[in-house]
Amino acid sequence: MQEGTTDLRLWVRLLACAKIIEKGLRRNFQEQFDTTLPRFDVMAALDRAGEDGLSMSDLSRALLVSNGNVTAIVRQLQDRALIATRADPSDGRSAIVSLTAEGRSHFAQLAVAHRGWVRAALANMPPEHQAQLAHLLGELKTTLS
């Protein structure tokens, strides 16, 4: 093997694995829940934030996407009564976004399905290999930070 190719092969394999799993998640969310992976991601961030919710800027940062992308998804979820927005008491120009009661219930269903789909995607890899890979990816993340 040529020097310097291991890192590139590793990157391509990581990306390929992520894309394979992501494609299945996208398909399953659409077919089984008539929703999208980005909507799930927004709801997951809001679920982690709890009752206080997140400002639109904090939501964008949490998802590593632009405010414009988040705004469109927030509107879609708001149209479905899954999230609510309110004025930020510390900055009237900004909005705080949080899950509604219906949104929390719906997200709980999505999260259970998501967990199952990921588990199924990784089912053919022995648990000890999964643990080892998780450890190694944790080390990689630390070195990248």
Protein backbone atom coordinates (compact mmCIF):
# COMPACT_ATOMS: atom_id res chain seq x y z
CA MET A 1 0.00 0.00 0.00
CA GLN A 2 1.26 3.46 -0.85
CA GLU A 3 2.04 5.84 1.98
CA GLY A 4 -0.82 8.23 2.60
CA THR A 5 -3.55 6.05 1.13
CA THR A 6 -4.80 4.57 4.41
CA ASP A 7 -6.18 7.89 5.57
CA LEU A 8 -8.05 8.44 2.31
CA ARG A 9 -9.40 4.88 2.27
CA LEU A 10 -10.55 5.33 5.87
CA TRP A 11 -12.35 8.57 4.99
CA VAL A 12 -14.07 7.01 1.96
CA ARG A 13 -15.18 3.97 4.00
CA LEU A 14 -16.52 6.12 6.84
CA LEU A 15 -18.45 8.22 4.36
CA ALA A 16 -19.77 5.18 2.49
CA CYS A 17 -20.98 3.52 5.70
CA ALA A 18 -22.67 6.72 6.87
CA LYS A 19 -24.36 7.18 3.49
CA ILE A 20 -25.67 3.61 3.42
CA ILE A 21 -27.23 3.91 6.87
CA GLU A 22 -28.51 7.44 6.18
CA LYS A 23 -30.18 6.32 2.93
CA GLY A 24 -32.07 3.62 4.82
CA LEU A 25 -33.10 6.07 7.55
CA ARG A 26 -34.35 8.59 5.00
CA ARG A 27 -36.38 5.94 3.18
CA ASN A 28 -37.84 4.53 6.40
CA PHE A 29 -38.82 7.96 7.77
CA GLN A 30 -40.57 8.80 4.50
CA GLU A 31 -42.33 5.46 4.04
CA GLN A 32 -43.35 4.80 7.63
CA PHE A 33 -43.91 8.30 9.05
CA ASP A 34 -44.23 10.64 6.05
CA THR A 35 -41.40 12.73 7.44
CA THR A 36 -37.75 13.45 6.72
CA LEU A 37 -34.43 12.90 8.43
CA PRO A 38 -33.84 16.68 8.78
CA ARG A 39 -37.21 17.03 10.57
CA PHE A 40 -36.19 14.18 12.89
CA ASP A 41 -32.86 15.89 13.55
CA VAL A 42 -34.58 19.17 14.48
CA MET A 43 -37.00 17.36 16.77
CA ALA A 44 -34.13 15.41 18.37
CA ALA A 45 -32.25 18.64 19.14
CA LEU A 46 -35.40 20.16 20.62
CA ASP A 47 -36.08 17.03 22.66
CA ARG A 48 -32.56 17.23 24.13
CA ALA A 49 -33.16 20.91 24.97
CA GLY A 50 -36.23 20.08 27.02
CA GLU A 51 -39.11 22.40 27.86
CA ASP A 52 -36.99 25.56 27.54
CA GLY A 53 -36.42 24.94 23.85
CA LEU A 54 -33.70 26.56 21.77
CA SER A 55 -33.24 29.83 19.98
CA MET A 56 -33.14 29.51 16.22
CA SER A 57 -29.42 30.37 16.30
CA ASP A 58 -28.70 27.71 18.92
CA LEU A 59 -30.73 25.19 16.92
CA SER A 60 -28.73 26.00 13.78
CA ARG A 61 -25.47 25.60 15.70
CA ALA A 62 -26.60 22.31 17.25
CA LEU A 63 -27.39 20.91 13.80
CA LEU A 64 -24.39 22.48 12.04
CA VAL A 65 -26.62 24.02 9.36
CA SER A 66 -27.56 27.53 8.27
CA ASN A 67 -30.39 29.52 9.82
CA GLY A 68 -32.19 29.41 6.46
CA ASN A 69 -32.23 25.61 6.40
CA VAL A 70 -33.53 25.44 9.97
CA THR A 71 -36.20 28.07 9.33
CA ALA A 72 -37.78 26.04 6.53
CA ILE A 73 -37.86 22.85 8.62
CA VAL A 74 -39.21 24.71 11.65
CA ARG A 75 -42.06 26.06 9.53
CA GLN A 76 -42.89 22.57 8.27
CA LEU A 77 -42.97 21.18 11.81
CA GLN A 78 -44.97 24.17 13.03
CA ASP A 79 -47.54 23.56 10.26
CA ARG A 80 -47.93 20.03 11.65
CA ALA A 81 -48.36 21.41 15.22
CA LEU A 82 -45.28 19.48 16.35
CA ILE A 83 -43.32 22.53 17.48
CA ALA A 84 -44.16 25.98 18.76
CA THR A 85 -42.26 29.25 18.61
CA ARG A 86 -42.34 32.14 21.03
CA ALA A 87 -40.49 35.42 21.26
CA ASP A 88 -37.17 35.29 23.07
CA PRO A 89 -37.66 37.31 26.27
CA SER A 90 -34.06 38.53 26.13
CA ASP A 91 -34.20 39.48 22.43
CA GLY A 92 -37.58 40.26 20.86
CA ARG A 93 -36.13 39.84 17.37
CA SER A 94 -35.30 36.20 18.04
CA ALA A 95 -37.57 33.19 18.50
CA ILE A 96 -37.40 30.25 20.89
CA VAL A 97 -38.51 26.92 19.43
CA SER A 98 -39.75 23.94 21.45
CA LEU A 99 -41.67 20.72 20.95
CA THR A 100 -45.39 20.74 21.63
CA ALA A 101 -46.96 17.93 23.66
CA GLU A 102 -47.99 16.34 20.36
CA GLY A 103 -44.44 16.86 19.06
CA ARG A 104 -42.93 15.11 22.10
CA SER A 105 -45.26 12.16 21.64
CA HIS A 106 -44.54 11.96 17.90
CA PHE A 107 -40.81 12.30 18.45
CA ALA A 108 -40.88 9.44 20.99
CA GLN A 109 -42.33 7.18 18.26
CA LEU A 110 -39.74 8.37 15.74
CA ALA A 111 -36.89 7.83 18.20
CA VAL A 112 -37.94 4.23 18.93
CA ALA A 113 -38.14 3.50 15.20
CA HIS A 114 -34.81 5.25 14.53
CA ARG A 115 -33.08 3.21 17.24
CA GLY A 116 -34.48 0.01 15.73
CA TRP A 117 -33.41 0.90 12.21
CA VAL A 118 -29.86 1.70 13.31
CA ARG A 119 -29.72 -1.50 15.35
CA ALA A 120 -30.92 -3.48 12.33
CA ALA A 121 -28.37 -1.79 10.06
CA LEU A 122 -25.55 -2.86 12.39
CA ALA A 123 -27.00 -6.26 13.34
CA ASN A 124 -24.53 -8.29 11.27
CA MET A 125 -21.53 -6.78 13.02
CA PRO A 126 -20.69 -8.57 16.28
CA PRO A 127 -21.30 -6.47 19.42
CA GLU A 128 -17.63 -6.59 20.43
CA HIS A 129 -16.66 -5.17 17.02
CA GLN A 130 -19.28 -2.44 17.41
CA ALA A 131 -17.80 -1.54 20.81
CA GLN A 132 -14.29 -1.50 19.40
CA LEU A 133 -15.34 0.66 16.45
CA ALA A 134 -17.22 3.06 18.75
CA HIS A 135 -14.08 3.40 20.88
CA LEU A 136 -11.85 4.03 17.87
CA LEU A 137 -14.27 6.56 16.39
CA GLY A 138 -14.35 8.30 19.77
CA GLU A 139 -10.57 8.58 19.63
CA LEU A 140 -10.78 9.93 16.09
CA LYS A 141 -13.35 12.53 17.12
CA THR A 142 -11.10 13.64 19.98
CA THR A 143 -8.13 14.06 17.66
CA LEU A 144 -10.26 16.08 15.22
CA SER A 145 -11.61 18.46 17.87
